[in-house]
N, C-alpha and C. Protein backbone atom coordinates (compact mmCIF):
# COMPACT_ATOMS: atom_id res chain seq x y z
N UNK A 1 120.77 108.58 89.42
CA UNK A 1 119.48 108.62 90.10
C UNK A 1 119.01 107.21 90.47
N UNK A 2 119.10 106.27 89.52
CA UNK A 2 118.67 104.90 89.78
C UNK A 2 119.48 104.28 90.90
N UNK A 3 120.80 104.52 90.88
CA UNK A 3 121.67 103.97 91.92
C UNK A 3 121.30 104.54 93.29
N UNK A 4 120.97 105.82 93.33
CA UNK A 4 120.61 106.43 94.61
C UNK A 4 119.27 105.90 95.13
N UNK A 5 118.33 105.67 94.23
CA UNK A 5 117.05 105.08 94.64
C UNK A 5 117.29 103.68 95.21
N UNK A 6 118.11 102.90 94.53
CA UNK A 6 118.42 101.55 95.03
C UNK A 6 119.11 101.61 96.38
N UNK A 7 120.01 102.57 96.55
CA UNK A 7 120.71 102.73 97.82
C UNK A 7 119.72 103.01 98.95
N UNK A 8 118.77 103.90 98.69
CA UNK A 8 117.79 104.25 99.72
C UNK A 8 116.88 103.06 100.04
N UNK A 9 116.49 102.31 99.03
CA UNK A 9 115.66 101.13 99.26
C UNK A 9 116.42 100.08 100.06
N UNK A 10 117.70 99.88 99.73
CA UNK A 10 118.51 98.90 100.45
C UNK A 10 118.71 99.33 101.90
N UNK A 11 118.97 100.61 102.12
CA UNK A 11 119.15 101.11 103.48
C UNK A 11 117.87 100.95 104.29
N UNK A 12 116.74 101.19 103.66
CA UNK A 12 115.45 101.04 104.33
C UNK A 12 115.21 99.58 104.72
N UNK A 13 115.52 98.68 103.81
CA UNK A 13 115.33 97.25 104.09
C UNK A 13 116.26 96.79 105.21
N UNK A 14 117.51 97.25 105.19
CA UNK A 14 118.47 96.84 106.22
C UNK A 14 118.11 97.39 107.59
N UNK A 15 117.47 98.52 107.63
CA UNK A 15 117.15 99.14 108.92
C UNK A 15 115.98 98.46 109.63
N UNK A 16 115.27 97.59 108.93
CA UNK A 16 114.08 96.90 109.45
C UNK A 16 112.91 97.84 109.72
N UNK A 17 113.02 99.11 109.30
CA UNK A 17 111.89 100.03 109.45
C UNK A 17 110.69 99.58 108.60
N UNK A 18 110.98 98.86 107.54
CA UNK A 18 109.91 98.41 106.65
C UNK A 18 108.92 97.49 107.35
N UNK A 19 109.40 96.76 108.38
CA UNK A 19 108.52 95.82 109.06
C UNK A 19 107.36 96.52 109.76
N UNK A 20 107.57 97.74 110.22
CA UNK A 20 106.51 98.44 110.96
C UNK A 20 105.27 98.68 110.09
N UNK A 21 105.39 99.36 108.95
CA UNK A 21 104.19 99.52 108.12
C UNK A 21 103.68 98.21 107.53
N UNK A 22 104.58 97.26 107.28
CA UNK A 22 104.12 95.97 106.77
C UNK A 22 103.23 95.25 107.77
N UNK A 23 103.62 95.32 109.04
CA UNK A 23 102.77 94.72 110.08
C UNK A 23 101.42 95.42 110.11
N UNK A 24 101.45 96.76 110.01
CA UNK A 24 100.19 97.50 109.96
C UNK A 24 99.35 97.12 108.76
N UNK A 25 100.00 96.94 107.61
CA UNK A 25 99.30 96.54 106.39
C UNK A 25 98.60 95.20 106.56
N UNK A 26 99.35 94.20 107.01
CA UNK A 26 98.77 92.87 107.13
C UNK A 26 97.73 92.81 108.25
N UNK A 27 97.91 93.61 109.30
CA UNK A 27 96.90 93.64 110.36
C UNK A 27 95.58 94.20 109.83
N UNK A 28 95.67 95.28 109.05
CA UNK A 28 94.44 95.85 108.47
C UNK A 28 93.79 94.90 107.49
N UNK A 29 94.60 94.25 106.65
CA UNK A 29 94.04 93.31 105.68
C UNK A 29 93.39 92.13 106.38
N UNK A 30 93.99 91.70 107.50
CA UNK A 30 93.39 90.59 108.26
C UNK A 30 92.02 90.97 108.79
N UNK A 31 91.87 92.23 109.21
CA UNK A 31 90.57 92.70 109.70
C UNK A 31 89.58 92.83 108.54
N UNK A 32 90.05 93.42 107.42
CA UNK A 32 89.16 93.60 106.27
C UNK A 32 88.60 92.28 105.77
N UNK A 33 89.45 91.26 105.72
CA UNK A 33 89.08 90.02 105.05
C UNK A 33 89.02 88.84 106.03
N UNK A 34 88.67 89.14 107.29
CA UNK A 34 88.51 88.06 108.27
C UNK A 34 87.35 87.14 107.88
N UNK A 35 86.40 87.69 107.15
CA UNK A 35 85.33 86.86 106.56
C UNK A 35 85.23 87.21 105.09
N UNK A 36 84.79 86.26 104.30
CA UNK A 36 84.77 86.45 102.85
C UNK A 36 83.83 87.59 102.45
N UNK A 37 84.30 88.42 101.54
CA UNK A 37 83.48 89.52 101.02
C UNK A 37 82.46 88.94 100.05
N UNK A 38 81.17 89.19 100.25
CA UNK A 38 80.16 88.58 99.37
C UNK A 38 80.24 89.11 97.95
N UNK A 39 79.79 88.32 96.98
CA UNK A 39 79.81 88.76 95.58
C UNK A 39 79.08 90.09 95.40
N UNK A 40 79.67 90.97 94.62
CA UNK A 40 79.08 92.28 94.38
C UNK A 40 79.58 93.37 95.29
N UNK A 41 80.32 93.01 96.34
CA UNK A 41 80.82 94.01 97.30
C UNK A 41 82.32 94.22 97.19
N UNK A 42 82.93 93.69 96.13
CA UNK A 42 84.39 93.77 96.02
C UNK A 42 84.88 95.22 95.90
N UNK A 43 84.20 96.03 95.11
CA UNK A 43 84.65 97.41 94.92
C UNK A 43 84.52 98.21 96.21
N UNK A 44 83.44 98.00 96.93
CA UNK A 44 83.27 98.67 98.22
C UNK A 44 84.40 98.30 99.17
N UNK A 45 84.77 97.03 99.18
CA UNK A 45 85.87 96.58 100.03
C UNK A 45 87.18 97.21 99.61
N UNK A 46 87.44 97.27 98.31
CA UNK A 46 88.65 97.91 97.81
C UNK A 46 88.69 99.39 98.20
N UNK A 47 87.54 100.06 98.11
CA UNK A 47 87.49 101.49 98.44
C UNK A 47 87.83 101.72 99.92
N UNK A 48 87.28 100.88 100.79
CA UNK A 48 87.60 100.99 102.21
C UNK A 48 89.08 100.72 102.46
N UNK A 49 89.60 99.70 101.80
CA UNK A 49 91.01 99.36 101.94
C UNK A 49 91.90 100.52 101.51
N UNK A 50 91.62 101.09 100.34
CA UNK A 50 92.44 102.19 99.83
C UNK A 50 92.40 103.40 100.75
N UNK A 51 91.23 103.68 101.32
CA UNK A 51 91.11 104.84 102.20
C UNK A 51 91.80 104.64 103.53
N UNK A 52 91.63 103.49 104.14
CA UNK A 52 92.19 103.25 105.46
C UNK A 52 93.69 102.98 105.41
N UNK A 53 94.20 102.53 104.27
CA UNK A 53 95.63 102.27 104.16
C UNK A 53 96.44 103.53 103.87
N UNK A 54 95.79 104.66 103.67
CA UNK A 54 96.54 105.91 103.45
C UNK A 54 97.53 106.14 104.59
N UNK A 55 97.10 105.88 105.82
CA UNK A 55 97.98 106.11 106.96
C UNK A 55 99.16 105.15 106.95
N UNK A 56 98.96 103.93 106.46
CA UNK A 56 100.06 102.97 106.36
C UNK A 56 101.05 103.42 105.29
N UNK A 57 100.54 103.89 104.16
CA UNK A 57 101.42 104.41 103.11
C UNK A 57 102.22 105.61 103.62
N UNK A 58 101.58 106.47 104.41
CA UNK A 58 102.29 107.62 104.98
C UNK A 58 103.38 107.16 105.94
N UNK A 59 103.07 106.17 106.74
CA UNK A 59 104.03 105.62 107.70
C UNK A 59 105.24 105.04 106.97
N UNK A 60 104.99 104.32 105.89
CA UNK A 60 106.09 103.72 105.12
C UNK A 60 106.97 104.80 104.49
N UNK A 61 106.36 105.83 103.91
CA UNK A 61 107.13 106.90 103.28
C UNK A 61 107.97 107.64 104.33
N UNK A 62 107.36 107.93 105.45
CA UNK A 62 108.09 108.61 106.53
C UNK A 62 109.28 107.76 106.98
N UNK A 63 109.05 106.46 107.17
CA UNK A 63 110.13 105.59 107.62
C UNK A 63 111.29 105.55 106.65
N UNK A 64 110.98 105.48 105.36
CA UNK A 64 112.05 105.45 104.36
C UNK A 64 112.85 106.74 104.37
N UNK A 65 112.17 107.88 104.42
CA UNK A 65 112.87 109.16 104.39
C UNK A 65 113.62 109.44 105.69
N UNK A 66 113.24 108.75 106.77
CA UNK A 66 113.93 108.91 108.05
C UNK A 66 115.13 107.99 108.21
N UNK A 67 115.31 107.06 107.29
CA UNK A 67 116.34 106.04 107.46
C UNK A 67 117.74 106.62 107.53
N UNK A 68 118.06 107.53 106.62
CA UNK A 68 119.40 108.09 106.58
C UNK A 68 119.54 109.23 107.58
N UNK A 69 120.62 109.25 108.37
CA UNK A 69 120.87 110.42 109.22
C UNK A 69 121.23 111.63 108.37
N UNK A 70 121.22 112.80 109.00
CA UNK A 70 121.46 114.04 108.26
C UNK A 70 122.80 114.03 107.54
N UNK A 71 123.82 113.48 108.18
CA UNK A 71 125.15 113.45 107.55
C UNK A 71 125.13 112.62 106.28
N UNK A 72 124.46 111.47 106.33
CA UNK A 72 124.39 110.61 105.15
C UNK A 72 123.59 111.29 104.03
N UNK A 73 122.55 112.01 104.39
CA UNK A 73 121.79 112.72 103.36
C UNK A 73 122.65 113.77 102.66
N UNK A 74 123.49 114.46 103.43
CA UNK A 74 124.39 115.45 102.84
C UNK A 74 125.39 114.78 101.90
N UNK A 75 125.89 113.61 102.31
CA UNK A 75 126.81 112.86 101.44
C UNK A 75 126.10 112.45 100.16
N UNK A 76 124.86 111.99 100.29
CA UNK A 76 124.09 111.59 99.11
C UNK A 76 123.85 112.77 98.18
N UNK A 77 123.57 113.94 98.75
CA UNK A 77 123.38 115.14 97.93
C UNK A 77 124.64 115.48 97.16
N UNK A 78 125.78 115.37 97.84
CA UNK A 78 127.06 115.67 97.19
C UNK A 78 127.33 114.67 96.07
N UNK A 79 127.09 113.39 96.36
CA UNK A 79 127.34 112.35 95.36
C UNK A 79 126.40 112.49 94.17
N UNK A 80 125.17 112.94 94.42
CA UNK A 80 124.19 113.08 93.34
C UNK A 80 124.48 114.27 92.44
N UNK A 81 125.26 115.22 92.94
CA UNK A 81 125.61 116.39 92.13
C UNK A 81 124.73 117.58 92.41
N UNK A 82 123.45 117.34 92.71
CA UNK A 82 122.52 118.42 93.03
C UNK A 82 121.61 117.96 94.16
N UNK A 83 121.29 118.84 95.12
CA UNK A 83 120.39 118.44 96.21
C UNK A 83 119.05 117.92 95.72
N UNK A 84 118.56 118.50 94.63
CA UNK A 84 117.25 118.08 94.12
C UNK A 84 117.21 116.63 93.71
N UNK A 85 118.32 116.10 93.26
CA UNK A 85 118.36 114.69 92.85
C UNK A 85 118.18 113.78 94.05
N UNK A 86 118.79 114.13 95.16
CA UNK A 86 118.65 113.32 96.37
C UNK A 86 117.21 113.34 96.85
N UNK A 87 116.58 114.51 96.82
CA UNK A 87 115.18 114.63 97.23
C UNK A 87 114.28 113.81 96.30
N UNK A 88 114.53 113.91 95.00
CA UNK A 88 113.73 113.16 94.03
C UNK A 88 113.92 111.66 94.21
N UNK A 89 115.15 111.23 94.49
CA UNK A 89 115.41 109.81 94.71
C UNK A 89 114.65 109.30 95.92
N UNK A 90 114.59 110.10 96.98
CA UNK A 90 113.83 109.70 98.16
C UNK A 90 112.35 109.55 97.86
N UNK A 91 111.81 110.47 97.08
CA UNK A 91 110.39 110.39 96.70
C UNK A 91 110.11 109.15 95.86
N UNK A 92 110.99 108.88 94.90
CA UNK A 92 110.80 107.71 94.04
C UNK A 92 110.90 106.42 94.85
N UNK A 93 111.84 106.37 95.79
CA UNK A 93 111.98 105.18 96.62
C UNK A 93 110.74 104.97 97.49
N UNK A 94 110.21 106.07 98.05
CA UNK A 94 109.00 105.96 98.87
C UNK A 94 107.81 105.49 98.04
N UNK A 95 107.69 106.01 96.83
CA UNK A 95 106.60 105.57 95.95
C UNK A 95 106.76 104.10 95.58
N UNK A 96 108.00 103.65 95.37
CA UNK A 96 108.24 102.25 95.02
C UNK A 96 107.81 101.32 96.16
N UNK A 97 108.17 101.69 97.39
CA UNK A 97 107.77 100.88 98.55
C UNK A 97 106.25 100.83 98.66
N UNK A 98 105.61 101.97 98.54
CA UNK A 98 104.15 102.00 98.67
C UNK A 98 103.45 101.31 97.51
N UNK A 99 104.05 101.34 96.33
CA UNK A 99 103.48 100.61 95.21
C UNK A 99 103.49 99.11 95.50
N UNK A 100 104.56 98.64 96.11
CA UNK A 100 104.63 97.23 96.49
C UNK A 100 103.56 96.87 97.52
N UNK A 101 103.36 97.73 98.51
CA UNK A 101 102.34 97.44 99.52
C UNK A 101 100.93 97.54 98.94
N UNK A 102 100.71 98.49 98.04
CA UNK A 102 99.40 98.58 97.39
C UNK A 102 99.12 97.34 96.56
N UNK A 103 100.16 96.81 95.93
CA UNK A 103 99.99 95.58 95.15
C UNK A 103 99.54 94.42 96.04
N UNK A 104 100.14 94.33 97.22
CA UNK A 104 99.72 93.29 98.17
C UNK A 104 98.24 93.48 98.54
N UNK A 105 97.86 94.73 98.81
CA UNK A 105 96.48 95.02 99.21
C UNK A 105 95.48 94.70 98.11
N UNK A 106 95.91 94.79 96.87
CA UNK A 106 95.01 94.50 95.74
C UNK A 106 94.96 93.00 95.44
N UNK A 107 96.11 92.35 95.48
CA UNK A 107 96.20 90.95 95.06
C UNK A 107 95.73 89.99 96.15
N UNK A 108 96.07 90.27 97.40
CA UNK A 108 95.76 89.32 98.48
C UNK A 108 94.29 88.94 98.56
N UNK A 109 93.35 89.90 98.51
CA UNK A 109 91.94 89.49 98.60
C UNK A 109 91.45 88.68 97.41
N UNK A 110 92.15 88.75 96.29
CA UNK A 110 91.75 87.93 95.15
C UNK A 110 91.90 86.44 95.47
N UNK A 111 92.83 86.14 96.39
CA UNK A 111 93.05 84.75 96.74
C UNK A 111 92.31 84.31 97.99
N UNK A 112 92.22 85.21 98.98
CA UNK A 112 91.66 84.76 100.26
C UNK A 112 90.54 85.65 100.80
N UNK A 113 90.26 86.78 100.15
CA UNK A 113 89.30 87.71 100.73
C UNK A 113 87.94 87.75 100.06
N UNK A 114 87.91 87.55 98.75
CA UNK A 114 86.66 87.68 98.00
C UNK A 114 86.03 86.32 97.76
N UNK A 115 84.71 86.27 97.92
CA UNK A 115 84.00 85.03 97.63
C UNK A 115 83.90 84.79 96.13
N UNK A 116 84.02 85.85 95.33
CA UNK A 116 83.98 85.73 93.87
C UNK A 116 85.00 86.70 93.29
N UNK A 117 85.44 86.40 92.09
CA UNK A 117 86.41 87.27 91.42
C UNK A 117 85.70 88.55 90.97
N UNK A 118 86.24 89.73 91.29
CA UNK A 118 85.58 90.97 90.87
C UNK A 118 85.61 91.14 89.36
N UNK A 119 84.69 91.91 88.85
CA UNK A 119 84.67 92.18 87.41
C UNK A 119 85.89 93.01 87.03
N UNK A 120 86.30 92.97 85.76
CA UNK A 120 87.44 93.79 85.33
C UNK A 120 87.27 95.27 85.66
N UNK A 121 86.05 95.78 85.53
CA UNK A 121 85.80 97.18 85.84
C UNK A 121 86.01 97.50 87.31
N UNK A 122 85.49 96.63 88.17
CA UNK A 122 85.67 96.83 89.61
C UNK A 122 87.14 96.71 89.99
N UNK A 123 87.84 95.76 89.39
CA UNK A 123 89.26 95.59 89.68
C UNK A 123 90.05 96.83 89.26
N UNK A 124 89.74 97.36 88.08
CA UNK A 124 90.44 98.55 87.60
C UNK A 124 90.18 99.74 88.52
N UNK A 125 88.94 99.91 88.96
CA UNK A 125 88.65 101.01 89.87
C UNK A 125 89.30 100.80 91.24
N UNK A 126 89.37 99.56 91.68
CA UNK A 126 90.06 99.27 92.94
C UNK A 126 91.53 99.61 92.85
N UNK A 127 92.14 99.28 91.72
CA UNK A 127 93.55 99.63 91.51
C UNK A 127 93.72 101.14 91.51
N UNK A 128 92.82 101.84 90.82
CA UNK A 128 92.90 103.31 90.76
C UNK A 128 92.81 103.93 92.15
N UNK A 129 91.91 103.41 92.98
CA UNK A 129 91.76 103.96 94.33
C UNK A 129 93.00 103.71 95.17
N UNK A 130 93.61 102.55 95.04
CA UNK A 130 94.83 102.28 95.81
C UNK A 130 95.98 103.15 95.32
N UNK A 131 96.03 103.44 94.03
CA UNK A 131 97.05 104.37 93.53
C UNK A 131 96.84 105.76 94.12
N UNK A 132 95.59 106.21 94.18
CA UNK A 132 95.31 107.50 94.79
C UNK A 132 95.67 107.48 96.27
N UNK A 133 95.36 106.39 96.95
CA UNK A 133 95.69 106.28 98.36
C UNK A 133 97.18 106.32 98.62
N UNK A 134 97.96 105.62 97.79
CA UNK A 134 99.40 105.61 98.02
C UNK A 134 100.02 106.96 97.70
N UNK A 135 99.49 107.67 96.71
CA UNK A 135 100.01 109.00 96.39
C UNK A 135 99.72 109.97 97.53
N UNK A 136 98.49 109.94 98.04
CA UNK A 136 98.14 110.82 99.16
C UNK A 136 98.94 110.45 100.41
N UNK A 137 99.09 109.16 100.67
CA UNK A 137 99.85 108.72 101.83
C UNK A 137 101.32 109.10 101.73
N UNK A 138 101.89 108.97 100.54
CA UNK A 138 103.29 109.35 100.35
C UNK A 138 103.48 110.84 100.61
N UNK A 139 102.55 111.65 100.13
CA UNK A 139 102.64 113.10 100.36
C UNK A 139 102.59 113.42 101.86
N UNK A 140 101.66 112.78 102.57
CA UNK A 140 101.57 113.00 104.02
C UNK A 140 102.84 112.53 104.71
N UNK A 141 103.38 111.40 104.28
CA UNK A 141 104.60 110.89 104.89
C UNK A 141 105.79 111.81 104.71
N UNK A 142 105.91 112.41 103.53
CA UNK A 142 107.04 113.33 103.30
C UNK A 142 106.99 114.52 104.25
N UNK A 143 105.79 115.04 104.48
CA UNK A 143 105.65 116.24 105.32
C UNK A 143 105.86 115.95 106.80
N UNK A 144 105.90 114.68 107.18
CA UNK A 144 106.15 114.31 108.58
C UNK A 144 107.51 113.63 108.75
N UNK A 145 108.34 113.66 107.72
CA UNK A 145 109.65 113.02 107.79
C UNK A 145 110.62 113.86 108.61
N UNK A 146 111.74 113.26 108.99
CA UNK A 146 112.70 113.91 109.88
C UNK A 146 113.24 115.24 109.36
N UNK A 147 113.56 115.37 108.07
CA UNK A 147 114.06 116.68 107.63
C UNK A 147 113.06 117.81 107.86
N UNK A 148 111.77 117.51 107.91
CA UNK A 148 110.74 118.53 108.11
C UNK A 148 110.37 118.65 109.59
N UNK A 149 110.17 117.53 110.25
CA UNK A 149 109.82 117.50 111.67
C UNK A 149 110.85 116.64 112.40
N UNK A 150 111.89 117.23 112.96
CA UNK A 150 112.98 116.45 113.57
C UNK A 150 112.55 115.60 114.76
N UNK A 151 111.53 116.02 115.50
CA UNK A 151 111.10 115.27 116.69
C UNK A 151 110.26 114.07 116.29
N UNK A 152 110.69 112.85 116.65
CA UNK A 152 109.89 111.66 116.30
C UNK A 152 108.48 111.70 116.90
N UNK A 153 108.37 112.20 118.13
CA UNK A 153 107.05 112.25 118.77
C UNK A 153 106.12 113.20 118.03
N UNK A 154 106.62 114.39 117.71
CA UNK A 154 105.80 115.36 116.98
C UNK A 154 105.45 114.82 115.60
N UNK A 155 106.43 114.17 114.98
CA UNK A 155 106.22 113.63 113.64
C UNK A 155 105.07 112.62 113.61
N UNK A 156 105.07 111.69 114.56
CA UNK A 156 104.02 110.67 114.59
C UNK A 156 102.66 111.28 114.93
N UNK A 157 102.66 112.27 115.83
CA UNK A 157 101.40 112.94 116.15
C UNK A 157 100.82 113.65 114.94
N UNK A 158 101.69 114.33 114.18
CA UNK A 158 101.23 115.04 112.99
C UNK A 158 100.76 114.05 111.93
N UNK A 159 101.48 112.92 111.80
CA UNK A 159 101.10 111.93 110.79
C UNK A 159 99.71 111.37 111.07
N UNK A 160 99.51 110.85 112.28
CA UNK A 160 98.21 110.25 112.59
C UNK A 160 97.13 111.32 112.75
N UNK A 161 97.51 112.47 113.32
CA UNK A 161 96.55 113.56 113.43
C UNK A 161 96.15 114.11 112.07
N UNK A 162 97.12 114.20 111.17
CA UNK A 162 96.82 114.67 109.82
C UNK A 162 95.89 113.72 109.09
N UNK A 163 96.12 112.42 109.28
CA UNK A 163 95.25 111.44 108.63
C UNK A 163 93.83 111.52 109.18
N UNK A 164 93.71 111.63 110.51
CA UNK A 164 92.37 111.75 111.10
C UNK A 164 91.68 113.03 110.63
N UNK A 165 92.47 114.11 110.48
CA UNK A 165 91.89 115.36 109.99
C UNK A 165 91.37 115.19 108.56
N UNK A 166 92.13 114.46 107.74
CA UNK A 166 91.67 114.20 106.37
C UNK A 166 90.34 113.45 106.38
N UNK A 167 90.25 112.44 107.25
CA UNK A 167 89.00 111.67 107.34
C UNK A 167 87.83 112.56 107.77
N UNK A 168 88.07 113.37 108.81
CA UNK A 168 86.98 114.19 109.33
C UNK A 168 86.56 115.26 108.33
N UNK A 169 87.54 115.91 107.70
CA UNK A 169 87.20 116.95 106.72
C UNK A 169 86.46 116.35 105.53
N UNK A 170 86.86 115.12 105.16
CA UNK A 170 86.21 114.50 104.00
C UNK A 170 84.77 114.10 104.28
N UNK A 171 84.35 114.17 105.55
CA UNK A 171 82.95 113.92 105.91
C UNK A 171 82.08 115.16 105.74
N UNK A 172 82.72 116.32 105.60
CA UNK A 172 81.99 117.58 105.50
C UNK A 172 81.59 117.85 104.05
N UNK A 173 80.76 118.87 103.82
CA UNK A 173 80.37 119.19 102.43
C UNK A 173 81.53 119.54 101.52
N UNK A 174 82.66 119.99 102.10
CA UNK A 174 83.81 120.35 101.25
C UNK A 174 84.74 119.15 101.05
N UNK A 175 84.32 117.98 101.53
CA UNK A 175 85.18 116.81 101.47
C UNK A 175 85.65 116.45 100.08
N UNK A 176 84.82 116.68 99.08
CA UNK A 176 85.19 116.34 97.71
C UNK A 176 86.33 117.21 97.18
N UNK A 177 86.57 118.33 97.84
CA UNK A 177 87.59 119.26 97.35
C UNK A 177 88.88 119.17 98.16
N UNK A 178 88.92 118.24 99.13
CA UNK A 178 90.17 117.96 99.85
C UNK A 178 90.66 116.61 99.33
N UNK A 179 91.29 115.81 100.18
CA UNK A 179 91.59 114.43 99.80
C UNK A 179 90.34 113.63 100.14
N UNK A 180 89.52 113.26 99.15
CA UNK A 180 88.15 112.78 99.40
C UNK A 180 88.08 111.30 99.76
N UNK A 181 88.64 110.94 100.90
CA UNK A 181 88.68 109.53 101.30
C UNK A 181 87.27 109.00 101.54
N UNK A 182 86.52 109.68 102.40
CA UNK A 182 85.16 109.22 102.69
C UNK A 182 84.25 109.33 101.47
N UNK A 183 84.34 110.38 100.65
CA UNK A 183 83.51 110.41 99.44
C UNK A 183 83.75 109.25 98.50
N UNK A 184 85.01 108.80 98.35
CA UNK A 184 85.20 107.66 97.44
C UNK A 184 84.68 106.37 98.07
N UNK A 185 84.72 106.27 99.40
CA UNK A 185 84.11 105.10 100.04
C UNK A 185 82.60 105.09 99.81
N UNK A 186 81.97 106.27 100.01
CA UNK A 186 80.52 106.35 99.83
C UNK A 186 80.13 106.09 98.38
N UNK A 187 80.90 106.64 97.44
CA UNK A 187 80.59 106.45 96.02
C UNK A 187 80.67 104.97 95.65
N UNK A 188 81.67 104.27 96.18
CA UNK A 188 81.79 102.84 95.89
C UNK A 188 80.63 102.06 96.50
N UNK A 189 80.24 102.42 97.72
CA UNK A 189 79.11 101.73 98.36
C UNK A 189 77.80 101.98 97.62
N UNK A 190 77.67 103.18 97.02
CA UNK A 190 76.43 103.54 96.33
C UNK A 190 76.42 103.12 94.86
N UNK A 191 77.52 102.53 94.40
CA UNK A 191 77.60 102.14 93.00
C UNK A 191 77.80 103.29 92.04
N UNK A 192 78.30 104.43 92.55
CA UNK A 192 78.46 105.62 91.72
C UNK A 192 79.91 106.02 91.53
N UNK A 193 80.84 105.10 91.80
CA UNK A 193 82.25 105.47 91.76
C UNK A 193 82.72 105.81 90.35
N UNK A 194 82.23 105.06 89.36
CA UNK A 194 82.67 105.31 87.98
C UNK A 194 82.43 106.74 87.54
N UNK A 195 81.28 107.28 87.91
CA UNK A 195 80.95 108.65 87.53
C UNK A 195 81.73 109.67 88.35
N UNK A 196 81.97 109.36 89.63
CA UNK A 196 82.61 110.32 90.52
C UNK A 196 84.13 110.26 90.50
N UNK A 197 84.69 109.18 89.97
CA UNK A 197 86.13 108.96 90.08
C UNK A 197 86.98 110.09 89.49
N UNK A 198 86.67 110.64 88.31
CA UNK A 198 87.52 111.72 87.78
C UNK A 198 87.63 112.92 88.73
N UNK A 199 86.50 113.32 89.32
CA UNK A 199 86.53 114.45 90.25
C UNK A 199 87.30 114.10 91.52
N UNK A 200 87.07 112.90 92.04
CA UNK A 200 87.77 112.46 93.24
C UNK A 200 89.27 112.36 92.99
N UNK A 201 89.65 111.84 91.83
CA UNK A 201 91.06 111.71 91.49
C UNK A 201 91.72 113.08 91.35
N UNK A 202 91.02 114.02 90.72
CA UNK A 202 91.59 115.36 90.51
C UNK A 202 91.87 116.04 91.85
N UNK A 203 90.92 115.94 92.79
CA UNK A 203 91.12 116.56 94.10
C UNK A 203 92.27 115.90 94.85
N UNK A 204 92.32 114.56 94.81
CA UNK A 204 93.40 113.85 95.49
C UNK A 204 94.75 114.21 94.92
N UNK A 205 94.87 114.22 93.61
CA UNK A 205 96.14 114.53 92.97
C UNK A 205 96.55 115.98 93.23
N UNK A 206 95.59 116.89 93.21
CA UNK A 206 95.92 118.30 93.46
C UNK A 206 96.57 118.48 94.83
N UNK A 207 95.91 117.95 95.87
CA UNK A 207 96.45 118.14 97.21
C UNK A 207 97.71 117.34 97.44
N UNK A 208 97.83 116.18 96.82
CA UNK A 208 99.05 115.38 96.96
C UNK A 208 100.23 116.09 96.32
N UNK A 209 100.03 116.63 95.12
CA UNK A 209 101.09 117.38 94.45
C UNK A 209 101.46 118.62 95.26
N UNK A 210 100.46 119.28 95.83
CA UNK A 210 100.74 120.45 96.66
C UNK A 210 101.57 120.07 97.88
N UNK A 211 101.25 118.94 98.50
CA UNK A 211 102.02 118.48 99.65
C UNK A 211 103.45 118.15 99.30
N UNK A 212 103.64 117.45 98.19
CA UNK A 212 105.00 117.10 97.76
C UNK A 212 105.78 118.35 97.38
N UNK A 213 105.11 119.30 96.73
CA UNK A 213 105.78 120.56 96.36
C UNK A 213 106.23 121.31 97.61
N UNK A 214 105.39 121.31 98.65
CA UNK A 214 105.78 121.95 99.91
C UNK A 214 106.98 121.24 100.53
N UNK A 215 106.99 119.92 100.47
CA UNK A 215 108.13 119.15 100.98
C UNK A 215 109.41 119.50 100.23
N UNK A 216 109.34 119.52 98.91
CA UNK A 216 110.52 119.84 98.10
C UNK A 216 111.03 121.24 98.42
N UNK A 217 110.13 122.18 98.58
CA UNK A 217 110.53 123.55 98.89
C UNK A 217 111.19 123.64 100.26
N UNK A 218 110.61 122.96 101.24
CA UNK A 218 111.18 122.98 102.59
C UNK A 218 112.54 122.31 102.64
N UNK A 219 112.74 121.29 101.81
CA UNK A 219 114.03 120.59 101.80
C UNK A 219 115.17 121.47 101.29
N UNK A 220 114.86 122.56 100.62
CA UNK A 220 115.92 123.46 100.16
C UNK A 220 116.71 124.03 101.32
N UNK A 221 116.05 124.20 102.46
CA UNK A 221 116.71 124.78 103.63
C UNK A 221 116.83 123.78 104.78
N UNK A 222 116.36 122.55 104.56
CA UNK A 222 116.42 121.53 105.62
C UNK A 222 116.97 120.23 105.05
N UNK A 223 118.25 120.20 104.78
CA UNK A 223 118.82 118.97 104.20
C UNK A 223 118.81 117.82 105.18
């Protein structure tokens, strides 16, 4: 399993697909932190970053899962012994890539974005939000990957359309029960994130796990 994860990461790096979401990541961070975030607003900034980077995390996961052609995926399944191992390796590799990008999004503003160092509590909540964002983004990316949506044009439309749908739905009264991107932004801005975080995390994890489960099920018939 470890060898297969490394193989997928190496193939992704060699394909230069990684540069696309990385450019998106740094472009968004440049906009977020074009001016110093004033003291006391660090958590709000982290919440916005985690929510808006969901689409970048989805893009990265999709790119990694699209790297191998169908024939290579079949070879990987055979080498792994069971198709499920190849699917699991792809998911782990996608999470590893997104964990690296989330780390950049968390660490970079500590050096150049914040006017003051955030409190340990705000930093911990910012990390938690980025973890939720990368999990949700990875789930969205898997459902728009080539094994599920073979057409690149349709795949990109569903990816960006799905993200916009998440944002719009999260603005409605039922937003807390979907992937609550806007609710966690509002909670951070209102200083109420600590109280709301367990509920927001539960909803995000529920839908993310459901998305990944749907991907795994679909991969049984779409190698």
